[in-house]
Amino acid sequence: MAEEDWMQKKWRPAMGWTYMIICLLDMAVFPIIWSLAQVLTKQPISQWMPLTLQGAGLFHIAMGAVLGIAAFGRTQEKVAGASSNIEPPKAPIPAAPIPAAPIPAAPIPAAPIKKPQQEEPPAL
């Protein structure tokens, strides 16, 4: 079996990491830098508008589709056994059955429930 290229084996995690970095930069790092730039120049510019949310968030929809389909495809590869990685270890089968706790021969009777006695009304 020919050895696969690094990119062929690792493109799914690389896509996930890339998406995570893009979101982190666009939603956290760039707004902070934008605010610092306004403080340092002492001029209000405008509020940071995330680049990935422009165009109705199509970038996030597309990346979600790519990552979702990639995860589904990887699952199908694992199920079919077409994975190029080492197969996951299988759980060992016990040599002898594990004994269960003994079941009592007769059920233990519960204490009888006493009903509160009602007082009789006084005779007239």
C-alpha atoms as a PDB file:
ATOM      1  CA  MET A   1       0.000   0.000   0.000  1.00  0.00           C
ATOM      2  CA  ALA A   2       1.450   3.336  -1.015  1.00  0.00           C
ATOM      3  CA  GLU A   3       2.064   5.859   1.731  1.00  0.00           C
ATOM      4  CA  GLU A   4      -0.399   8.729   1.624  1.00  0.00           C
ATOM      5  CA  ASP A   5       0.596  12.365   1.438  1.00  0.00           C
ATOM      6  CA  TRP A   6       0.402  14.442   4.644  1.00  0.00           C
ATOM      7  CA  MET A   7      -2.227  16.726   3.169  1.00  0.00           C
ATOM      8  CA  GLN A   8      -4.360  13.803   2.073  1.00  0.00           C
ATOM      9  CA  LYS A   9      -4.417  12.412   5.613  1.00  0.00           C
ATOM     10  CA  LYS A  10      -4.688  15.657   7.576  1.00  0.00           C
ATOM     11  CA  TRP A  11      -6.913  17.953   5.518  1.00  0.00           C
ATOM     12  CA  ARG A  12      -9.967  17.500   7.755  1.00  0.00           C
ATOM     13  CA  PRO A  13      -8.247  18.606  10.977  1.00  0.00           C
ATOM     14  CA  ALA A  14      -6.492  21.379   9.024  1.00  0.00           C
ATOM     15  CA  MET A  15      -9.888  22.702   7.862  1.00  0.00           C
ATOM     16  CA  GLY A  16     -11.199  22.662  11.428  1.00  0.00           C
ATOM     17  CA  TRP A  17      -8.147  24.487  12.805  1.00  0.00           C
ATOM     18  CA  THR A  18      -8.279  27.022   9.977  1.00  0.00           C
ATOM     19  CA  TYR A  19     -11.951  27.755  10.636  1.00  0.00           C
ATOM     20  CA  MET A  20     -11.297  28.085  14.372  1.00  0.00           C
ATOM     21  CA  ILE A  21      -8.416  30.530  13.802  1.00  0.00           C
ATOM     22  CA  ILE A  22     -10.455  32.619  11.352  1.00  0.00           C
ATOM     23  CA  CYS A  23     -13.349  32.869  13.822  1.00  0.00           C
ATOM     24  CA  LEU A  24     -11.019  33.708  16.720  1.00  0.00           C
ATOM     25  CA  LEU A  25      -9.325  36.466  14.748  1.00  0.00           C
ATOM     26  CA  ASP A  26     -12.499  37.927  13.257  1.00  0.00           C
ATOM     27  CA  MET A  27     -14.587  37.812  16.439  1.00  0.00           C
ATOM     28  CA  ALA A  28     -11.998  38.536  19.182  1.00  0.00           C
ATOM     29  CA  VAL A  29      -8.528  39.668  18.078  1.00  0.00           C
ATOM     30  CA  PHE A  30      -9.398  42.116  15.297  1.00  0.00           C
ATOM     31  CA  PRO A  31     -12.080  43.970  17.325  1.00  0.00           C
ATOM     32  CA  ILE A  32      -9.547  44.506  20.135  1.00  0.00           C
ATOM     33  CA  ILE A  33      -6.905  45.764  17.702  1.00  0.00           C
ATOM     34  CA  TRP A  34      -9.546  47.990  16.052  1.00  0.00           C
ATOM     35  CA  SER A  35     -10.459  49.504  19.433  1.00  0.00           C
ATOM     36  CA  LEU A  36      -6.811  50.028  20.365  1.00  0.00           C
ATOM     37  CA  ALA A  37      -6.216  51.782  17.041  1.00  0.00           C
ATOM     38  CA  GLN A  38      -9.065  54.184  17.831  1.00  0.00           C
ATOM     39  CA  VAL A  39      -7.646  54.888  21.305  1.00  0.00           C
ATOM     40  CA  LEU A  40      -4.108  55.447  20.032  1.00  0.00           C
ATOM     41  CA  THR A  41      -5.163  57.757  17.197  1.00  0.00           C
ATOM     42  CA  LYS A  42      -7.718  59.498  19.463  1.00  0.00           C
ATOM     43  CA  GLN A  43     -10.201  59.435  16.624  1.00  0.00           C
ATOM     44  CA  PRO A  44     -13.364  57.392  16.635  1.00  0.00           C
ATOM     45  CA  ILE A  45     -13.409  55.445  13.397  1.00  0.00           C
ATOM     46  CA  SER A  46     -16.333  53.053  13.584  1.00  0.00           C
ATOM     47  CA  GLN A  47     -17.356  49.811  15.200  1.00  0.00           C
ATOM     48  CA  TRP A  48     -15.660  46.615  13.993  1.00  0.00           C
ATOM     49  CA  MET A  49     -17.824  44.660  11.584  1.00  0.00           C
ATOM     50  CA  PRO A  50     -16.825  40.983  11.425  1.00  0.00           C
ATOM     51  CA  LEU A  51     -15.774  40.146   7.898  1.00  0.00           C
ATOM     52  CA  THR A  52     -17.101  36.599   8.067  1.00  0.00           C
ATOM     53  CA  LEU A  53     -20.619  37.796   8.927  1.00  0.00           C
ATOM     54  CA  GLN A  54     -20.910  39.982   5.853  1.00  0.00           C
ATOM     55  CA  GLY A  55     -22.934  38.445   3.070  1.00  0.00           C
ATOM     56  CA  ALA A  56     -25.471  36.976   5.532  1.00  0.00           C
ATOM     57  CA  GLY A  57     -22.845  34.727   7.118  1.00  0.00           C
ATOM     58  CA  LEU A  58     -22.398  32.631   3.988  1.00  0.00           C
ATOM     59  CA  PHE A  59     -18.803  31.896   5.028  1.00  0.00           C
ATOM     60  CA  HIS A  60     -19.983  30.158   8.227  1.00  0.00           C
ATOM     61  CA  ILE A  61     -22.677  28.231   6.370  1.00  0.00           C
ATOM     62  CA  ALA A  62     -20.156  27.049   3.768  1.00  0.00           C
ATOM     63  CA  MET A  63     -17.534  26.073   6.361  1.00  0.00           C
ATOM     64  CA  GLY A  64     -20.184  24.274   8.403  1.00  0.00           C
ATOM     65  CA  ALA A  65     -21.173  22.296   5.316  1.00  0.00           C
ATOM     66  CA  VAL A  66     -17.566  21.430   4.445  1.00  0.00           C
ATOM     67  CA  LEU A  67     -16.726  20.332   7.986  1.00  0.00           C
ATOM     68  CA  GLY A  68     -20.017  18.459   8.417  1.00  0.00           C
ATOM     69  CA  ILE A  69     -19.680  16.552   5.158  1.00  0.00           C
ATOM     70  CA  ALA A  70     -16.018  15.828   5.923  1.00  0.00           C
ATOM     71  CA  ALA A  71     -16.955  14.419   9.335  1.00  0.00           C
ATOM     72  CA  PHE A  72     -19.702  12.311   7.772  1.00  0.00           C
ATOM     73  CA  GLY A  73     -17.303  11.026   5.099  1.00  0.00           C
ATOM     74  CA  ARG A  74     -14.702  10.134   7.713  1.00  0.00           C
ATOM     75  CA  THR A  75     -17.315   8.229   9.694  1.00  0.00           C
ATOM     76  CA  GLN A  76     -18.270   6.278   6.588  1.00  0.00           C
ATOM     77  CA  GLU A  77     -14.605   5.459   5.953  1.00  0.00           C
ATOM     78  CA  LYS A  78     -14.178   4.145   9.479  1.00  0.00           C
ATOM     79  CA  VAL A  79     -17.338   2.075   9.250  1.00  0.00           C
ATOM     80  CA  ALA A  80     -16.263   0.605   5.906  1.00  0.00           C
ATOM     81  CA  GLY A  81     -12.744  -0.067   7.176  1.00  0.00           C
ATOM     82  CA  ALA A  82     -11.190   2.081   4.452  1.00  0.00           C
ATOM     83  CA  SER A  83      -9.276   4.165   6.974  1.00  0.00           C
ATOM     84  CA  SER A  84      -5.598   4.591   6.246  1.00  0.00           C
ATOM     85  CA  ASN A  85      -4.909   4.965   9.953  1.00  0.00           C
ATOM     86  CA  ILE A  86      -4.327   2.065  12.299  1.00  0.00           C
ATOM     87  CA  GLU A  87      -7.551   0.339  13.257  1.00  0.00           C
ATOM     88  CA  PRO A  88      -8.812   1.247  16.712  1.00  0.00           C
ATOM     89  CA  PRO A  89      -8.126  -1.416  19.335  1.00  0.00           C
ATOM     90  CA  LYS A  90     -11.001  -3.746  19.991  1.00  0.00           C
ATOM     91  CA  ALA A  91     -12.260  -4.426  23.488  1.00  0.00           C
ATOM     92  CA  PRO A  92     -10.970  -7.763  24.834  1.00  0.00           C
ATOM     93  CA  ILE A  93     -13.525 -10.507  25.241  1.00  0.00           C
ATOM     94  CA  PRO A  94     -13.520 -11.902  28.796  1.00  0.00           C
ATOM     95  CA  ALA A  95     -12.475 -15.571  29.029  1.00  0.00           C
ATOM     96  CA  ALA A  96     -15.132 -16.470  31.600  1.00  0.00           C
ATOM     97  CA  PRO A  97     -18.442 -14.831  32.389  1.00  0.00           C
ATOM     98  CA  ILE A  98     -18.363 -12.399  35.247  1.00  0.00           C
ATOM     99  CA  PRO A  99     -20.379 -13.787  38.182  1.00  0.00           C
ATOM    100  CA  ALA A 100     -23.337 -11.702  39.221  1.00  0.00           C
ATOM    101  CA  ALA A 101     -24.313 -10.955  42.795  1.00  0.00           C
ATOM    102  CA  PRO A 102     -26.455 -13.756  44.290  1.00  0.00           C
ATOM    103  CA  ILE A 103     -30.177 -13.183  44.220  1.00  0.00           C
ATOM    104  CA  PRO A 104     -31.966 -13.883  47.525  1.00  0.00           C
ATOM    105  CA  ALA A 105     -34.198 -16.973  47.451  1.00  0.00           C
ATOM    106  CA  ALA A 106     -37.225 -15.216  48.892  1.00  0.00           C
ATOM    107  CA  PRO A 107     -38.027 -11.543  48.890  1.00  0.00           C
ATOM    108  CA  ILE A 108     -37.601  -9.815  52.207  1.00  0.00           C
ATOM    109  CA  PRO A 109     -41.018  -8.727  53.466  1.00  0.00           C
ATOM    110  CA  ALA A 110     -41.474  -5.058  54.065  1.00  0.00           C
ATOM    111  CA  ALA A 111     -42.698  -3.808  57.429  1.00  0.00           C
ATOM    112  CA  PRO A 112     -46.473  -3.375  57.439  1.00  0.00           C
ATOM    113  CA  ILE A 113     -47.688   0.163  57.093  1.00  0.00           C
ATOM    114  CA  LYS A 114     -49.795   1.234  60.040  1.00  0.00           C
ATOM    115  CA  LYS A 115     -52.727   3.430  59.301  1.00  0.00           C
ATOM    116  CA  PRO A 116     -53.413   6.174  61.803  1.00  0.00           C
ATOM    117  CA  GLN A 117     -56.454   5.319  63.893  1.00  0.00           C
ATOM    118  CA  GLN A 118     -59.321   7.688  63.698  1.00  0.00           C
ATOM    119  CA  GLU A 119     -60.805   8.912  66.935  1.00  0.00           C
ATOM    120  CA  GLU A 120     -64.456   8.191  67.445  1.00  0.00           C
ATOM    121  CA  PRO A 121     -66.665  11.226  67.830  1.00  0.00           C
ATOM    122  CA  PRO A 122     -67.858  11.775  71.406  1.00  0.00           C
ATOM    123  CA  ALA A 123     -71.297  10.327  72.218  1.00  0.00           C
ATOM    124  CA  LEU A 124     -74.053  12.856  72.893  1.00  0.00           C
END
